[in-house]
Amino acid sequence: MSTTILVVEDDSIVRMLIVDVLEELEYSVLEAEDGEAALEIVRDSSNVIDLMMTDQGLPGMNGRDLAEKARELRPQLPILFASGYAENIDVPAGMHSIGKPFSIDQLRDKVKSILPTA
């Protein structure tokens, strides 16, 4: 059974690169360009989501607001914030962050450290 990661990133090029890397690592990937689109995916109980990776600086609803709303719907959902200002963001308890830019190896290692091994 594959692991599914929801990638929320408003920059389509960055989102495509992250999705490509995660798919190369053999994860299934769902994509959203903003918080509202992400919440639609989270609300759909037919979607299996093992991790939500979100940009902190999204238009409209920021990553932290999105994470809080997603956790209301799925309390156990692991959250990974990606930010160019990772050292400056306040990461809520039980959530994780990775600084942009990150390498493929850094992303792989961070995702593996968050997700339980299958």
PDB file of N, CA and C in Angstrom:
ATOM      1  N   MET A   1       0.844  -1.183   0.000  1.00  0.00           N
ATOM      2  CA  MET A   1       0.000   0.000   0.000  1.00  0.00           C
ATOM      3  C   MET A   1       0.887   1.244   0.000  1.00  0.00           C
ATOM      4  N   SER A   2       0.573   2.184  -0.861  1.00  0.00           N
ATOM      5  CA  SER A   2       1.443   3.354  -0.953  1.00  0.00           C
ATOM      6  C   SER A   2       1.032   4.423   0.052  1.00  0.00           C
ATOM      7  N   THR A   3       1.979   5.290   0.325  1.00  0.00           N
ATOM      8  CA  THR A   3       1.775   6.406   1.232  1.00  0.00           C
ATOM      9  C   THR A   3       1.394   7.622   0.403  1.00  0.00           C
ATOM     10  N   THR A   4       0.381   8.372   0.858  1.00  0.00           N
ATOM     11  CA  THR A   4      -0.105   9.524   0.103  1.00  0.00           C
ATOM     12  C   THR A   4       0.227  10.821   0.836  1.00  0.00           C
ATOM     13  N   ILE A   5       0.806  11.751   0.077  1.00  0.00           N
ATOM     14  CA  ILE A   5       1.182  13.053   0.617  1.00  0.00           C
ATOM     15  C   ILE A   5       0.411  14.130  -0.135  1.00  0.00           C
ATOM     16  N   LEU A   6      -0.233  15.021   0.605  1.00  0.00           N
ATOM     17  CA  LEU A   6      -0.914  16.176   0.030  1.00  0.00           C
ATOM     18  C   LEU A   6       0.068  17.335   0.024  1.00  0.00           C
ATOM     19  N   VAL A   7       0.378  17.839  -1.172  1.00  0.00           N
ATOM     20  CA  VAL A   7       1.314  18.963  -1.324  1.00  0.00           C
ATOM     21  C   VAL A   7       0.510  20.232  -1.600  1.00  0.00           C
ATOM     22  N   VAL A   8       0.679  21.230  -0.733  1.00  0.00           N
ATOM     23  CA  VAL A   8      -0.026  22.511  -0.880  1.00  0.00           C
ATOM     24  C   VAL A   8       1.029  23.584  -1.120  1.00  0.00           C
ATOM     25  N   GLU A   9       1.048  24.113  -2.343  1.00  0.00           N
ATOM     26  CA  GLU A   9       2.072  25.087  -2.745  1.00  0.00           C
ATOM     27  C   GLU A   9       1.479  25.967  -3.824  1.00  0.00           C
ATOM     28  N   ASP A  10       1.520  27.291  -3.630  1.00  0.00           N
ATOM     29  CA  ASP A  10       0.906  28.188  -4.599  1.00  0.00           C
ATOM     30  C   ASP A  10       1.776  28.425  -5.833  1.00  0.00           C
ATOM     31  N   ASP A  11       3.079  28.203  -5.740  1.00  0.00           N
ATOM     32  CA  ASP A  11       3.965  28.372  -6.891  1.00  0.00           C
ATOM     33  C   ASP A  11       3.945  27.077  -7.702  1.00  0.00           C
ATOM     34  N   SER A  12       3.362  27.131  -8.897  1.00  0.00           N
ATOM     35  CA  SER A  12       3.145  25.896  -9.666  1.00  0.00           C
ATOM     36  C   SER A  12       4.452  25.190 -10.019  1.00  0.00           C
ATOM     37  N   ILE A  13       5.535  25.931 -10.256  1.00  0.00           N
ATOM     38  CA  ILE A  13       6.814  25.303 -10.596  1.00  0.00           C
ATOM     39  C   ILE A  13       7.385  24.587  -9.381  1.00  0.00           C
ATOM     40  N   VAL A  14       7.354  25.247  -8.240  1.00  0.00           N
ATOM     41  CA  VAL A  14       7.840  24.621  -7.004  1.00  0.00           C
ATOM     42  C   VAL A  14       6.997  23.399  -6.676  1.00  0.00           C
ATOM     43  N   ARG A  15       5.675  23.522  -6.820  1.00  0.00           N
ATOM     44  CA  ARG A  15       4.782  22.391  -6.539  1.00  0.00           C
ATOM     45  C   ARG A  15       5.111  21.211  -7.447  1.00  0.00           C
ATOM     46  N   MET A  16       5.323  21.492  -8.734  1.00  0.00           N
ATOM     47  CA  MET A  16       5.642  20.427  -9.685  1.00  0.00           C
ATOM     48  C   MET A  16       6.950  19.725  -9.300  1.00  0.00           C
ATOM     49  N   LEU A  17       7.955  20.498  -8.898  1.00  0.00           N
ATOM     50  CA  LEU A  17       9.232  19.901  -8.508  1.00  0.00           C
ATOM     51  C   LEU A  17       9.082  19.015  -7.273  1.00  0.00           C
ATOM     52  N   ILE A  18       8.346  19.503  -6.268  1.00  0.00           N
ATOM     53  CA  ILE A  18       8.130  18.713  -5.051  1.00  0.00           C
ATOM     54  C   ILE A  18       7.383  17.423  -5.389  1.00  0.00           C
ATOM     55  N   VAL A  19       6.327  17.548  -6.208  1.00  0.00           N
ATOM     56  CA  VAL A  19       5.544  16.373  -6.602  1.00  0.00           C
ATOM     57  C   VAL A  19       6.434  15.367  -7.340  1.00  0.00           C
ATOM     58  N   ASP A  20       7.252  15.868  -8.267  1.00  0.00           N
ATOM     59  CA  ASP A  20       8.152  14.968  -9.019  1.00  0.00           C
ATOM     60  C   ASP A  20       9.081  14.212  -8.078  1.00  0.00           C
ATOM     61  N   VAL A  21       9.664  14.921  -7.120  1.00  0.00           N
ATOM     62  CA  VAL A  21      10.584  14.287  -6.172  1.00  0.00           C
ATOM     63  C   VAL A  21       9.852  13.229  -5.355  1.00  0.00           C
ATOM     64  N   LEU A  22       8.685  13.580  -4.818  1.00  0.00           N
ATOM     65  CA  LEU A  22       7.939  12.626  -3.988  1.00  0.00           C
ATOM     66  C   LEU A  22       7.503  11.407  -4.792  1.00  0.00           C
ATOM     67  N   GLU A  23       7.106  11.628  -6.047  1.00  0.00           N
ATOM     68  CA  GLU A  23       6.718  10.486  -6.884  1.00  0.00           C
ATOM     69  C   GLU A  23       7.915   9.606  -7.195  1.00  0.00           C
ATOM     70  N   GLU A  24       9.097  10.205  -7.404  1.00  0.00           N
ATOM     71  CA  GLU A  24      10.319   9.414  -7.606  1.00  0.00           C
ATOM     72  C   GLU A  24      10.619   8.566  -6.379  1.00  0.00           C
ATOM     73  N   LEU A  25      10.263   9.080  -5.202  1.00  0.00           N
ATOM     74  CA  LEU A  25      10.460   8.346  -3.948  1.00  0.00           C
ATOM     75  C   LEU A  25       9.325   7.342  -3.703  1.00  0.00           C
ATOM     76  N   GLU A  26       8.456   7.206  -4.699  1.00  0.00           N
ATOM     77  CA  GLU A  26       7.363   6.226  -4.708  1.00  0.00           C
ATOM     78  C   GLU A  26       6.242   6.535  -3.731  1.00  0.00           C
ATOM     79  N   TYR A  27       6.001   7.833  -3.510  1.00  0.00           N
ATOM     80  CA  TYR A  27       4.827   8.248  -2.759  1.00  0.00           C
ATOM     81  C   TYR A  27       3.726   8.598  -3.754  1.00  0.00           C
ATOM     82  N   SER A  28       2.476   8.407  -3.337  1.00  0.00           N
ATOM     83  CA  SER A  28       1.344   8.930  -4.109  1.00  0.00           C
ATOM     84  C   SER A  28       1.176  10.378  -3.670  1.00  0.00           C
ATOM     85  N   VAL A  29       0.817  11.246  -4.606  1.00  0.00           N
ATOM     86  CA  VAL A  29       0.753  12.667  -4.286  1.00  0.00           C
ATOM     87  C   VAL A  29      -0.577  13.269  -4.731  1.00  0.00           C
ATOM     88  N   LEU A  30      -1.173  14.053  -3.836  1.00  0.00           N
ATOM     89  CA  LEU A  30      -2.328  14.891  -4.161  1.00  0.00           C
ATOM     90  C   LEU A  30      -1.814  16.324  -4.145  1.00  0.00           C
ATOM     91  N   GLU A  31      -2.358  17.179  -5.007  1.00  0.00           N
ATOM     92  CA  GLU A  31      -1.867  18.551  -5.097  1.00  0.00           C
ATOM     93  C   GLU A  31      -2.970  19.571  -4.867  1.00  0.00           C
ATOM     94  N   ALA A  32      -2.586  20.686  -4.242  1.00  0.00           N
ATOM     95  CA  ALA A  32      -3.500  21.817  -4.086  1.00  0.00           C
ATOM     96  C   ALA A  32      -2.681  23.097  -4.203  1.00  0.00           C
ATOM     97  N   GLU A  33      -3.305  24.129  -4.815  1.00  0.00           N
ATOM     98  CA  GLU A  33      -2.562  25.377  -5.006  1.00  0.00           C
ATOM     99  C   GLU A  33      -2.819  26.390  -3.899  1.00  0.00           C
ATOM    100  N   ASP A  34      -3.809  26.121  -3.051  1.00  0.00           N
ATOM    101  CA  ASP A  34      -4.067  27.027  -1.933  1.00  0.00           C
ATOM    102  C   ASP A  34      -4.808  26.287  -0.827  1.00  0.00           C
ATOM    103  N   GLY A  35      -5.027  27.006   0.261  1.00  0.00           N
ATOM    104  CA  GLY A  35      -5.648  26.391   1.435  1.00  0.00           C
ATOM    105  C   GLY A  35      -7.046  25.874   1.182  1.00  0.00           C
ATOM    106  N   GLU A  36      -7.839  26.634   0.441  1.00  0.00           N
ATOM    107  CA  GLU A  36      -9.219  26.202   0.178  1.00  0.00           C
ATOM    108  C   GLU A  36      -9.247  24.899  -0.616  1.00  0.00           C
ATOM    109  N   ALA A  37      -8.403  24.816  -1.648  1.00  0.00           N
ATOM    110  CA  ALA A  37      -8.343  23.589  -2.455  1.00  0.00           C
ATOM    111  C   ALA A  37      -7.854  22.422  -1.600  1.00  0.00           C
ATOM    112  N   ALA A  38      -6.903  22.693  -0.721  1.00  0.00           N
ATOM    113  CA  ALA A  38      -6.389  21.640   0.158  1.00  0.00           C
ATOM    114  C   ALA A  38      -7.475  21.132   1.097  1.00  0.00           C
ATOM    115  N   LEU A  39      -8.260  22.059   1.657  1.00  0.00           N
ATOM    116  CA  LEU A  39      -9.315  21.644   2.589  1.00  0.00           C
ATOM    117  C   LEU A  39     -10.385  20.813   1.888  1.00  0.00           C
ATOM    118  N   GLU A  40     -10.653  21.115   0.617  1.00  0.00           N
ATOM    119  CA  GLU A  40     -11.607  20.279  -0.127  1.00  0.00           C
ATOM    120  C   GLU A  40     -11.109  18.840  -0.200  1.00  0.00           C
ATOM    121  N   ILE A  41      -9.811  18.681  -0.424  1.00  0.00           N
ATOM    122  CA  ILE A  41      -9.219  17.336  -0.494  1.00  0.00           C
ATOM    123  C   ILE A  41      -9.273  16.673   0.878  1.00  0.00           C
ATOM    124  N   VAL A  42      -8.948  17.437   1.929  1.00  0.00           N
ATOM    125  CA  VAL A  42      -8.953  16.897   3.294  1.00  0.00           C
ATOM    126  C   VAL A  42     -10.369  16.505   3.714  1.00  0.00           C
ATOM    127  N   ARG A  43     -11.356  17.313   3.329  1.00  0.00           N
ATOM    128  CA  ARG A  43     -12.754  17.038   3.706  1.00  0.00           C
ATOM    129  C   ARG A  43     -13.287  15.756   3.064  1.00  0.00           C
ATOM    130  N   ASP A  44     -12.752  15.395   1.901  1.00  0.00           N
ATOM    131  CA  ASP A  44     -13.231  14.211   1.174  1.00  0.00           C
ATOM    132  C   ASP A  44     -12.675  12.961   1.857  1.00  0.00           C
ATOM    133  N   SER A  45     -13.534  12.293   2.597  1.00  0.00           N
ATOM    134  CA  SER A  45     -13.076  11.148   3.396  1.00  0.00           C
ATOM    135  C   SER A  45     -12.592   9.974   2.543  1.00  0.00           C
ATOM    136  N   SER A  46     -12.863  10.010   1.242  1.00  0.00           N
ATOM    137  CA  SER A  46     -12.364   8.926   0.384  1.00  0.00           C
ATOM    138  C   SER A  46     -10.870   9.102   0.083  1.00  0.00           C
ATOM    139  N   ASN A  47     -10.326  10.297   0.349  1.00  0.00           N
ATOM    140  CA  ASN A  47      -8.903  10.538   0.140  1.00  0.00           C
ATOM    141  C   ASN A  47      -8.115  10.061   1.349  1.00  0.00           C
ATOM    142  N   VAL A  48      -7.166   9.171   1.105  1.00  0.00           N
ATOM    143  CA  VAL A  48      -6.240   8.770   2.156  1.00  0.00           C
ATOM    144  C   VAL A  48      -5.096   9.779   2.123  1.00  0.00           C
ATOM    145  N   ILE A  49      -4.808  10.396   3.257  1.00  0.00           N
ATOM    146  CA  ILE A  49      -3.702  11.355   3.337  1.00  0.00           C
ATOM    147  C   ILE A  49      -2.845  10.970   4.542  1.00  0.00           C
ATOM    148  N   ASP A  50      -1.585  10.633   4.275  1.00  0.00           N
ATOM    149  CA  ASP A  50      -0.682  10.228   5.349  1.00  0.00           C
ATOM    150  C   ASP A  50       0.150  11.394   5.873  1.00  0.00           C
ATOM    151  N   LEU A  51       0.265  12.453   5.043  1.00  0.00           N
ATOM    152  CA  LEU A  51       1.051  13.630   5.424  1.00  0.00           C
ATOM    153  C   LEU A  51       0.587  14.801   4.579  1.00  0.00           C
ATOM    154  N   MET A  52       0.477  15.974   5.195  1.00  0.00           N
ATOM    155  CA  MET A  52       0.214  17.190   4.424  1.00  0.00           C
ATOM    156  C   MET A  52       1.461  18.055   4.493  1.00  0.00           C
ATOM    157  N   MET A  53       2.000  18.359   3.330  1.00  0.00           N
ATOM    158  CA  MET A  53       3.154  19.257   3.228  1.00  0.00           C
ATOM    159  C   MET A  53       2.643  20.565   2.657  1.00  0.00           C
ATOM    160  N   THR A  54       2.768  21.640   3.428  1.00  0.00           N
ATOM    161  CA  THR A  54       2.223  22.917   2.989  1.00  0.00           C
ATOM    162  C   THR A  54       3.242  24.039   3.062  1.00  0.00           C
ATOM    163  N   ASP A  55       3.170  24.914   2.077  1.00  0.00           N
ATOM    164  CA  ASP A  55       3.952  26.139   2.119  1.00  0.00           C
ATOM    165  C   ASP A  55       3.382  26.984   3.249  1.00  0.00           C
ATOM    166  N   GLN A  56       4.245  27.691   3.956  1.00  0.00           N
ATOM    167  CA  GLN A  56       3.771  28.557   5.037  1.00  0.00           C
ATOM    168  C   GLN A  56       3.090  29.797   4.462  1.00  0.00           C
ATOM    169  N   GLY A  57       3.667  30.347   3.393  1.00  0.00           N
ATOM    170  CA  GLY A  57       3.172  31.602   2.844  1.00  0.00           C
ATOM    171  C   GLY A  57       2.222  31.415   1.682  1.00  0.00           C
ATOM    172  N   LEU A  58       1.020  30.953   1.969  1.00  0.00           N
ATOM    173  CA  LEU A  58       0.007  30.768   0.929  1.00  0.00           C
ATOM    174  C   LEU A  58      -0.835  32.034   0.798  1.00  0.00           C
ATOM    175  N   PRO A  59      -1.368  32.296  -0.401  1.00  0.00           N
ATOM    176  CA  PRO A  59      -2.276  33.443  -0.537  1.00  0.00           C
ATOM    177  C   PRO A  59      -3.585  33.144   0.203  1.00  0.00           C
ATOM    178  N   GLY A  60      -4.188  34.164   0.770  1.00  0.00           N
ATOM    179  CA  GLY A  60      -5.436  33.949   1.510  1.00  0.00           C
ATOM    180  C   GLY A  60      -5.136  33.321   2.857  1.00  0.00           C
ATOM    181  N   MET A  61      -5.480  32.072   3.006  1.00  0.00           N
ATOM    182  CA  MET A  61      -5.256  31.330   4.242  1.00  0.00           C
ATOM    183  C   MET A  61      -3.795  30.871   4.286  1.00  0.00           C
ATOM    184  N   ASN A  62      -3.060  31.254   5.343  1.00  0.00           N
ATOM    185  CA  ASN A  62      -1.660  30.819   5.396  1.00  0.00           C
ATOM    186  C   ASN A  62      -1.540  29.360   5.829  1.00  0.00           C
ATOM    187  N   GLY A  63      -0.336  28.838   5.755  1.00  0.00           N
ATOM    188  CA  GLY A  63      -0.114  27.420   6.050  1.00  0.00           C
ATOM    189  C   GLY A  63      -0.516  27.016   7.448  1.00  0.00           C
ATOM    190  N   ARG A  64      -0.269  27.910   8.406  1.00  0.00           N
ATOM    191  CA  ARG A  64      -0.619  27.570   9.791  1.00  0.00           C
ATOM    192  C   ARG A  64      -2.137  27.487   9.968  1.00  0.00           C
ATOM    193  N   ASP A  65      -2.866  28.449   9.384  1.00  0.00           N
ATOM    194  CA  ASP A  65      -4.328  28.395   9.459  1.00  0.00           C
ATOM    195  C   ASP A  65      -4.853  27.127   8.790  1.00  0.00           C
ATOM    196  N   LEU A  66      -4.272  26.808   7.638  1.00  0.00           N
ATOM    197  CA  LEU A  66      -4.660  25.587   6.929  1.00  0.00           C
ATOM    198  C   LEU A  66      -4.406  24.358   7.803  1.00  0.00           C
ATOM    199  N   ALA A  67      -3.241  24.309   8.435  1.00  0.00           N
ATOM    200  CA  ALA A  67      -2.898  23.159   9.285  1.00  0.00           C
ATOM    201  C   ALA A  67      -3.901  23.001  10.423  1.00  0.00           C
ATOM    202  N   GLU A  68      -4.274  24.125  11.050  1.00  0.00           N
ATOM    203  CA  GLU A  68      -5.233  24.054  12.155  1.00  0.00           C
ATOM    204  C   GLU A  68      -6.591  23.542  11.682  1.00  0.00           C
ATOM    205  N   LYS A  69      -7.036  24.027  10.507  1.00  0.00           N
ATOM    206  CA  LYS A  69      -8.323  23.573   9.981  1.00  0.00           C
ATOM    207  C   LYS A  69      -8.264  22.109   9.551  1.00  0.00           C
ATOM    208  N   ALA A  70      -7.147  21.713   8.954  1.00  0.00           N
ATOM    209  CA  ALA A  70      -6.996  20.311   8.537  1.00  0.00           C
ATOM    210  C   ALA A  70      -6.995  19.393   9.756  1.00  0.00           C
ATOM    211  N   ARG A  71      -6.351  19.844  10.849  1.00  0.00           N
ATOM    212  CA  ARG A  71      -6.295  19.036  12.063  1.00  0.00           C
ATOM    213  C   ARG A  71      -7.658  18.925  12.737  1.00  0.00           C
ATOM    214  N   GLU A  72      -8.523  19.923  12.536  1.00  0.00           N
ATOM    215  CA  GLU A  72      -9.886  19.808  13.074  1.00  0.00           C
ATOM    216  C   GLU A  72     -10.618  18.665  12.372  1.00  0.00           C
ATOM    217  N   LEU A  73     -10.336  18.491  11.081  1.00  0.00           N
ATOM    218  CA  LEU A  73     -10.986  17.448  10.298  1.00  0.00           C
ATOM    219  C   LEU A  73     -10.301  16.091  10.472  1.00  0.00           C
ATOM    220  N   ARG A  74      -8.992  16.123  10.596  1.00  0.00           N
ATOM    221  CA  ARG A  74      -8.195  14.892  10.736  1.00  0.00           C
ATOM    222  C   ARG A  74      -7.165  15.127  11.837  1.00  0.00           C
ATOM    223  N   PRO A  75      -7.541  14.890  13.078  1.00  0.00           N
ATOM    224  CA  PRO A  75      -6.677  15.229  14.223  1.00  0.00           C
ATOM    225  C   PRO A  75      -5.304  14.559  14.203  1.00  0.00           C
ATOM    226  N   GLN A  76      -5.182  13.404  13.573  1.00  0.00           N
ATOM    227  CA  GLN A  76      -3.907  12.680  13.580  1.00  0.00           C
ATOM    228  C   GLN A  76      -3.019  13.001  12.378  1.00  0.00           C
ATOM    229  N   LEU A  77      -3.470  13.906  11.493  1.00  0.00           N
ATOM    230  CA  LEU A  77      -2.736  14.172  10.258  1.00  0.00           C
ATOM    231  C   LEU A  77      -1.391  14.842  10.535  1.00  0.00           C
ATOM    232  N   PRO A  78      -0.279  14.193  10.129  1.00  0.00           N
ATOM    233  CA  PRO A  78       1.025  14.852  10.272  1.00  0.00           C
ATOM    234  C   PRO A  78       1.116  16.030   9.295  1.00  0.00           C
ATOM    235  N   ILE A  79       1.725  17.120   9.755  1.00  0.00           N
ATOM    236  CA  ILE A  79       1.857  18.334   8.954  1.00  0.00           C
ATOM    237  C   ILE A  79       3.340  18.684   8.828  1.00  0.00           C
ATOM    238  N   LEU A  80       3.753  18.997   7.591  1.00  0.00           N
ATOM    239  CA  LEU A  80       5.125  19.464   7.340  1.00  0.00           C
ATOM    240  C   LEU A  80       5.041  20.824   6.667  1.00  0.00           C
ATOM    241  N   PHE A  81       5.560  21.852   7.335  1.00  0.00           N
ATOM    242  CA  PHE A  81       5.609  23.191   6.739  1.00  0.00           C
ATOM    243  C   PHE A  81       6.891  23.321   5.939  1.00  0.00           C
ATOM    244  N   ALA A  82       6.777  23.894   4.746  1.00  0.00           N
ATOM    245  CA  ALA A  82       7.956  24.242   3.955  1.00  0.00           C
ATOM    246  C   ALA A  82       7.992  25.761   3.890  1.00  0.00           C
ATOM    247  N   SER A  83       9.131  26.331   4.238  1.00  0.00           N
ATOM    248  CA  SER A  83       9.203  27.785   4.260  1.00  0.00           C
ATOM    249  C   SER A  83      10.613  28.267   3.982  1.00  0.00           C
ATOM    250  N   GLY A  84      10.701  29.360   3.239  1.00  0.00           N
ATOM    251  CA  GLY A  84      11.984  30.008   3.046  1.00  0.00           C
ATOM    252  C   GLY A  84      12.462  30.664   4.329  1.00  0.00           C
ATOM    253  N   TYR A  85      11.577  30.715   5.313  1.00  0.00           N
ATOM    254  CA  TYR A  85      11.900  31.333   6.598  1.00  0.00           C
ATOM    255  C   TYR A  85      11.666  30.337   7.726  1.00  0.00           C
ATOM    256  N   ALA A  86      12.087  29.101   7.517  1.00  0.00           N
ATOM    257  CA  ALA A  86      11.770  28.014   8.464  1.00  0.00           C
ATOM    258  C   ALA A  86      12.220  28.328   9.882  1.00  0.00           C
ATOM    259  N   GLU A  87      13.364  29.017  10.008  1.00  0.00           N
ATOM    260  CA  GLU A  87      13.850  29.292  11.360  1.00  0.00           C
ATOM    261  C   GLU A  87      12.998  30.359  12.053  1.00  0.00           C
ATOM    262  N   ASN A  88      12.191  31.070  11.279  1.00  0.00           N
ATOM    263  CA  ASN A  88      11.377  32.139  11.859  1.00  0.00           C
ATOM    264  C   ASN A  88       9.935  31.732  12.126  1.00  0.00           C
ATOM    265  N   ILE A  89       9.535  30.549  11.695  1.00  0.00           N
ATOM    266  CA  ILE A  89       8.141  30.199  11.907  1.00  0.00           C
ATOM    267  C   ILE A  89       7.973  29.423  13.204  1.00  0.00           C
ATOM    268  N   ASP A  90       6.859  29.676  13.828  1.00  0.00           N
ATOM    269  CA  ASP A  90       6.523  29.000  15.066  1.00  0.00           C
ATOM    270  C   ASP A  90       5.757  27.742  14.678  1.00  0.00           C
ATOM    271  N   VAL A  91       6.402  26.600  14.833  1.00  0.00           N
ATOM    272  CA  VAL A  91       5.775  25.344  14.427  1.00  0.00           C
ATOM    273  C   VAL A  91       4.984  24.779  15.595  1.00  0.00           C
ATOM    274  N   PRO A  92       3.671  24.602  15.403  1.00  0.00           N
ATOM    275  CA  PRO A  92       2.848  24.056  16.488  1.00  0.00           C
ATOM    276  C   PRO A  92       3.316  22.656  16.897  1.00  0.00           C
ATOM    277  N   ALA A  93       3.022  22.298  18.115  1.00  0.00           N
ATOM    278  CA  ALA A  93       3.391  20.983  18.643  1.00  0.00           C
ATOM    279  C   ALA A  93       2.878  19.882  17.726  1.00  0.00           C
ATOM    280  N   GLY A  94       3.696  18.892  17.502  1.00  0.00           N
ATOM    281  CA  GLY A  94       3.291  17.759  16.681  1.00  0.00           C
ATOM    282  C   GLY A  94       3.374  18.026  15.194  1.00  0.00           C
ATOM    283  N   MET A  95       3.912  19.183  14.815  1.00  0.00           N
ATOM    284  CA  MET A  95       4.069  19.496  13.394  1.00  0.00           C
ATOM    285  C   MET A  95       5.555  19.699  13.110  1.00  0.00           C
ATOM    286  N   HIS A  96       5.920  19.730  11.851  1.00  0.00           N
ATOM    287  CA  HIS A  96       7.321  19.739  11.451  1.00  0.00           C
ATOM    288  C   HIS A  96       7.564  20.843  10.426  1.00  0.00           C
ATOM    289  N   SER A  97       8.846  21.199  10.218  1.00  0.00           N
ATOM    290  CA  SER A  97       9.152  22.183   9.186  1.00  0.00           C
ATOM    291  C   SER A  97      10.432  21.799   8.455  1.00  0.00           C
ATOM    292  N   ILE A  98      10.526  22.277   7.233  1.00  0.00           N
ATOM    293  CA  ILE A  98      11.732  22.113   6.427  1.00  0.00           C
ATOM    294  C   ILE A  98      11.979  23.451   5.736  1.00  0.00           C
ATOM    295  N   GLY A  99      13.225  23.887   5.719  1.00  0.00           N
ATOM    296  CA  GLY A  99      13.555  25.170   5.125  1.00  0.00           C
ATOM    297  C   GLY A  99      13.739  25.065   3.616  1.00  0.00           C
ATOM    298  N   LYS A 100      13.240  26.078   2.916  1.00  0.00           N
ATOM    299  CA  LYS A 100      13.458  26.158   1.473  1.00  0.00           C
ATOM    300  C   LYS A 100      14.686  27.029   1.249  1.00  0.00           C
ATOM    301  N   PRO A 101      15.509  26.744   0.273  1.00  0.00           N
ATOM    302  CA  PRO A 101      15.418  25.573  -0.594  1.00  0.00           C
ATOM    303  C   PRO A 101      15.923  24.330   0.142  1.00  0.00           C
ATOM    304  N   PHE A 102      15.395  23.188  -0.240  1.00  0.00           N
ATOM    305  CA  PHE A 102      15.845  21.926   0.352  1.00  0.00           C
ATOM    306  C   PHE A 102      16.251  20.992  -0.780  1.00  0.00           C
ATOM    307  N   SER A 103      17.154  20.086  -0.453  1.00  0.00           N
ATOM    308  CA  SER A 103      17.591  19.112  -1.454  1.00  0.00           C
ATOM    309  C   SER A 103      16.627  17.930  -1.478  1.00  0.00           C
ATOM    310  N   ILE A 104      16.746  17.137  -2.519  1.00  0.00           N
ATOM    311  CA  ILE A 104      15.940  15.912  -2.613  1.00  0.00           C
ATOM    312  C   ILE A 104      16.201  15.032  -1.400  1.00  0.00           C
ATOM    313  N   ASP A 105      17.474  14.910  -1.016  1.00  0.00           N
ATOM    314  CA  ASP A 105      17.827  14.073   0.131  1.00  0.00           C
ATOM    315  C   ASP A 105      17.229  14.617   1.425  1.00  0.00           C
ATOM    316  N   GLN A 106      17.253  15.942   1.592  1.00  0.00           N
ATOM    317  CA  GLN A 106      16.678  16.532   2.803  1.00  0.00           C
ATOM    318  C   GLN A 106      15.179  16.272   2.873  1.00  0.00           C
ATOM    319  N   LEU A 107      14.505  16.418   1.726  1.00  0.00           N
ATOM    320  CA  LEU A 107      13.060  16.179   1.694  1.00  0.00           C
ATOM    321  C   LEU A 107      12.767  14.710   1.996  1.00  0.00           C
ATOM    322  N   ARG A 108      13.494  13.813   1.351  1.00  0.00           N
ATOM    323  CA  ARG A 108      13.296  12.376   1.591  1.00  0.00           C
ATOM    324  C   ARG A 108      13.490  12.044   3.064  1.00  0.00           C
ATOM    325  N   ASP A 109      14.589  12.529   3.642  1.00  0.00           N
ATOM    326  CA  ASP A 109      14.894  12.202   5.031  1.00  0.00           C
ATOM    327  C   ASP A 109      13.852  12.783   5.988  1.00  0.00           C
ATOM    328  N   LYS A 110      13.380  14.001   5.695  1.00  0.00           N
ATOM    329  CA  LYS A 110      12.385  14.641   6.561  1.00  0.00           C
ATOM    330  C   LYS A 110      11.063  13.867   6.497  1.00  0.00           C
ATOM    331  N   VAL A 111      10.627  13.523   5.282  1.00  0.00           N
ATOM    332  CA  VAL A 111       9.372  12.778   5.130  1.00  0.00           C
ATOM    333  C   VAL A 111       9.484  11.416   5.838  1.00  0.00           C
ATOM    334  N   LYS A 112      10.605  10.739   5.640  1.00  0.00           N
ATOM    335  CA  LYS A 112      10.783   9.431   6.280  1.00  0.00           C
ATOM    336  C   LYS A 112      10.810   9.539   7.802  1.00  0.00           C
ATOM    337  N   SER A 113      11.327  10.674   8.312  1.00  0.00           N
ATOM    338  CA  SER A 113      11.391  10.829   9.773  1.00  0.00           C
ATOM    339  C   SER A 113       9.997  11.074  10.368  1.00  0.00           C
ATOM    340  N   ILE A 114       9.079  11.601   9.549  1.00  0.00           N
ATOM    341  CA  ILE A 114       7.734  11.920  10.036  1.00  0.00           C
ATOM    342  C   ILE A 114       6.808  10.714   9.923  1.00  0.00           C
ATOM    343  N   LEU A 115       6.901  10.027   8.785  1.00  0.00           N
ATOM    344  CA  LEU A 115       5.954   8.934   8.523  1.00  0.00           C
ATOM    345  C   LEU A 115       6.439   7.641   9.153  1.00  0.00           C
ATOM    346  N   PRO A 116       5.530   6.906   9.742  1.00  0.00           N
ATOM    347  CA  PRO A 116       5.905   5.598  10.260  1.00  0.00           C
ATOM    348  C   PRO A 116       6.325   4.705   9.097  1.00  0.00           C
ATOM    349  N   THR A 117       7.346   3.914   9.303  1.00  0.00           N
ATOM    350  CA  THR A 117       7.791   3.047   8.217  1.00  0.00           C
ATOM    351  C   THR A 117       6.772   1.965   7.964  1.00  0.00           C
ATOM    352  N   ALA A 118       6.564   1.705   6.711  1.00  0.00           N
ATOM    353  CA  ALA A 118       5.541   0.710   6.318  1.00  0.00           C
ATOM    354  C   ALA A 118       6.049  -0.690   6.560  1.00  0.00           C
TER     355      ALA A 118
END
